Amino acid sequence: MKATTGELRKQLIEEIIRLHTDGELTLGMAIRRLRLEITGFDQETFAQMCGMSTRALYQLETDKGNPALSTVDSILRKFGLRMGLMAATPANRRGVIAGERSGVSPVTHAISRGAKPKGRTGTRPEAGTSPNAATKETHKDGPTSERDVSQ
């Protein structure tokens, strides 16, 4: 464990809670900061302490996977915290989006994981052809030339 005073530990936890509540930290980012800044443990040691695999802890800290609520609650309780509900006030409705910080223009659109980019539907080449085959046209009097398919 890191050599921090009880007061410093309390301040760090309060700061992490505030940043998470304000929407500036995801749950995974908050848990990672708690692990590193409060305990100083590496992922392997902390995962073992929590009774979970290192991979599961990694996925939780990077906001991937789908941990059970009891798992998240168990981790938070190690820091004297617990899960709960809170009102969706304007301060905590802000998304965790790079660019919402001061001085940077906000992101106006984002593609969620697994979503298809706009304007790309229906442009798949026919089965058995390469992706480049859809953009080439053969002329009877010469070599292959590319044509503009975006029209």
Protein backbone atom coordinates (compact mmCIF):
# COMPACT_ATOMS: atom_id res chain seq x y z
CA MET A 1 0.00 0.00 0.00
CA LYS A 2 1.11 3.53 -0.66
CA ALA A 3 2.31 5.51 2.31
CA THR A 4 -0.47 8.12 2.40
CA THR A 5 -2.06 9.68 5.41
CA GLY A 6 -5.69 9.02 6.20
CA GLU A 7 -6.56 12.62 5.38
CA LEU A 8 -4.82 12.52 1.99
CA ARG A 9 -6.51 9.20 1.21
CA LYS A 10 -9.89 10.71 2.09
CA GLN A 11 -9.22 13.74 -0.16
CA LEU A 12 -8.23 11.50 -3.08
CA ILE A 13 -11.38 9.40 -2.70
CA GLU A 14 -13.55 12.53 -2.52
CA GLU A 15 -11.89 13.94 -5.66
CA ILE A 16 -12.45 10.68 -7.58
CA ILE A 17 -16.09 10.58 -6.44
CA ARG A 18 -16.59 14.20 -7.55
CA LEU A 19 -15.01 13.61 -10.97
CA HIS A 20 -17.15 10.50 -11.47
CA THR A 21 -20.31 12.27 -10.33
CA ASP A 22 -19.57 15.19 -12.68
CA GLY A 23 -19.19 12.76 -15.56
CA GLU A 24 -15.49 13.36 -16.04
CA LEU A 25 -14.51 9.80 -15.06
CA THR A 26 -16.19 6.59 -16.09
CA LEU A 27 -16.73 3.92 -13.44
CA GLY A 28 -13.79 1.95 -14.81
CA MET A 29 -11.51 5.00 -14.75
CA ALA A 30 -12.58 5.74 -11.18
CA ILE A 31 -11.83 2.18 -10.04
CA ARG A 32 -8.42 2.31 -11.74
CA ARG A 33 -7.57 5.59 -10.00
CA LEU A 34 -8.71 4.18 -6.66
CA ARG A 35 -6.55 1.10 -7.15
CA LEU A 36 -3.46 3.03 -8.21
CA GLU A 37 -3.67 6.14 -6.05
CA ILE A 38 -5.09 4.66 -2.86
CA THR A 39 -3.59 1.17 -2.73
CA GLY A 40 -0.70 1.39 -5.16
CA PHE A 41 -1.32 -2.26 -6.06
CA ASP A 42 -0.72 -3.63 -9.54
CA GLN A 43 -3.65 -5.22 -11.36
CA GLU A 44 -2.61 -8.77 -10.54
CA THR A 45 -2.36 -8.16 -6.78
CA PHE A 46 -5.58 -6.15 -6.60
CA ALA A 47 -7.51 -8.67 -8.72
CA GLN A 48 -6.36 -11.47 -6.43
CA MET A 49 -7.41 -9.43 -3.40
CA CYS A 50 -10.86 -8.95 -4.98
CA GLY A 51 -11.20 -12.63 -5.93
CA MET A 52 -11.31 -11.98 -9.66
CA SER A 53 -9.06 -12.58 -12.65
CA THR A 54 -6.60 -9.96 -13.84
CA ARG A 55 -8.39 -9.96 -17.20
CA ALA A 56 -11.75 -9.23 -15.55
CA LEU A 57 -10.21 -6.32 -13.60
CA TYR A 58 -8.59 -4.99 -16.78
CA GLN A 59 -11.93 -5.14 -18.61
CA LEU A 60 -13.66 -3.37 -15.73
CA GLU A 61 -11.04 -0.61 -15.57
CA THR A 62 -11.19 -0.04 -19.32
CA ASP A 63 -15.02 -0.03 -19.35
CA LYS A 64 -15.20 -3.22 -21.40
CA GLY A 65 -16.97 -6.39 -20.46
CA ASN A 66 -20.08 -6.63 -18.34
CA PRO A 67 -19.25 -7.12 -14.65
CA ALA A 68 -21.89 -8.21 -12.17
CA LEU A 69 -23.16 -5.45 -9.91
CA SER A 70 -22.01 -7.50 -6.92
CA THR A 71 -18.46 -7.48 -8.33
CA VAL A 72 -18.41 -3.70 -8.71
CA ASP A 73 -19.96 -3.25 -5.26
CA SER A 74 -17.40 -5.61 -3.73
CA ILE A 75 -14.53 -3.58 -5.21
CA LEU A 76 -16.01 -0.24 -4.11
CA ARG A 77 -16.52 -1.49 -0.55
CA LYS A 78 -12.77 -2.05 -0.24
CA PHE A 79 -12.48 1.75 -0.38
CA GLY A 80 -15.37 2.40 2.00
CA LEU A 81 -17.74 3.14 -0.87
CA ARG A 82 -20.90 1.47 -2.12
CA MET A 83 -23.07 1.59 -5.20
CA GLY A 84 -26.22 3.65 -5.21
CA LEU A 85 -28.55 5.85 -7.18
CA MET A 86 -28.20 9.55 -7.79
CA ALA A 87 -30.30 12.18 -9.48
CA ALA A 88 -29.47 13.05 -13.07
CA THR A 89 -28.68 16.71 -12.53
CA PRO A 90 -27.24 18.86 -15.33
CA ALA A 91 -23.78 18.62 -13.74
CA ASN A 92 -23.66 14.83 -13.97
CA ARG A 93 -25.52 14.44 -17.27
CA ARG A 94 -22.45 15.44 -19.24
CA GLY A 95 -20.97 12.47 -21.02
CA VAL A 96 -17.38 11.41 -20.66
CA ILE A 97 -16.38 12.69 -24.07
CA ALA A 98 -12.93 13.95 -24.93
CA GLY A 99 -13.40 17.54 -25.91
CA GLU A 100 -15.85 18.58 -23.21
CA ARG A 101 -13.04 19.98 -21.15
CA SER A 102 -12.55 23.73 -21.17
CA GLY A 103 -10.85 25.26 -24.18
CA VAL A 104 -11.70 22.38 -26.53
CA SER A 105 -14.75 22.31 -28.73
CA PRO A 106 -17.12 19.45 -27.89
CA VAL A 107 -17.53 16.40 -30.09
CA THR A 108 -20.65 16.91 -32.19
CA HIS A 109 -21.11 13.29 -33.16
CA ALA A 110 -19.55 9.99 -32.25
CA ILE A 111 -19.83 6.46 -33.48
CA SER A 112 -20.69 4.05 -30.73
CA ARG A 113 -18.93 0.73 -30.55
CA GLY A 114 -20.41 -1.60 -33.13
CA ALA A 115 -22.29 1.13 -34.99
CA LYS A 116 -21.90 1.46 -38.74
CA PRO A 117 -20.47 4.73 -40.05
CA LYS A 118 -23.12 6.91 -41.67
CA GLY A 119 -23.42 6.72 -45.45
CA ARG A 120 -21.75 3.33 -45.69
CA THR A 121 -24.81 1.10 -45.90
CA GLY A 122 -25.40 -0.78 -49.11
CA THR A 123 -21.88 -0.32 -50.51
CA ARG A 124 -20.66 -3.88 -49.99
CA PRO A 125 -19.20 -5.53 -53.09
CA GLU A 126 -20.91 -8.58 -54.48
CA ALA A 127 -19.98 -11.96 -53.06
CA GLY A 128 -16.81 -13.37 -54.51
CA THR A 129 -15.35 -10.01 -55.50
CA SER A 130 -12.69 -7.96 -53.78
CA PRO A 131 -13.57 -4.64 -52.11
CA ASN A 132 -11.71 -2.81 -54.89
CA ALA A 133 -13.72 -4.56 -57.61
CA ALA A 134 -16.74 -2.36 -56.88
CA THR A 135 -14.75 0.78 -57.72
CA LYS A 136 -13.19 -0.40 -60.99
CA GLU A 137 -14.71 -0.42 -64.42
CA THR A 138 -13.30 -2.23 -67.43
CA HIS A 139 -13.38 -0.50 -70.80
CA LYS A 140 -13.34 -2.64 -73.92
CA ASP A 141 -10.69 -0.49 -75.55
CA GLY A 142 -8.17 -0.15 -72.74
CA PRO A 143 -6.97 -0.95 -69.23
CA THR A 144 -9.04 -0.74 -66.07
CA SER A 145 -9.75 2.74 -64.73
CA GLU A 146 -11.28 3.88 -61.45
CA ARG A 147 -14.54 5.73 -61.39
CA ASP A 148 -16.11 7.86 -58.69
CA VAL A 149 -18.60 5.68 -56.80
CA SER A 150 -19.60 8.37 -54.29
CA GLN A 151 -22.15 9.95 -56.66
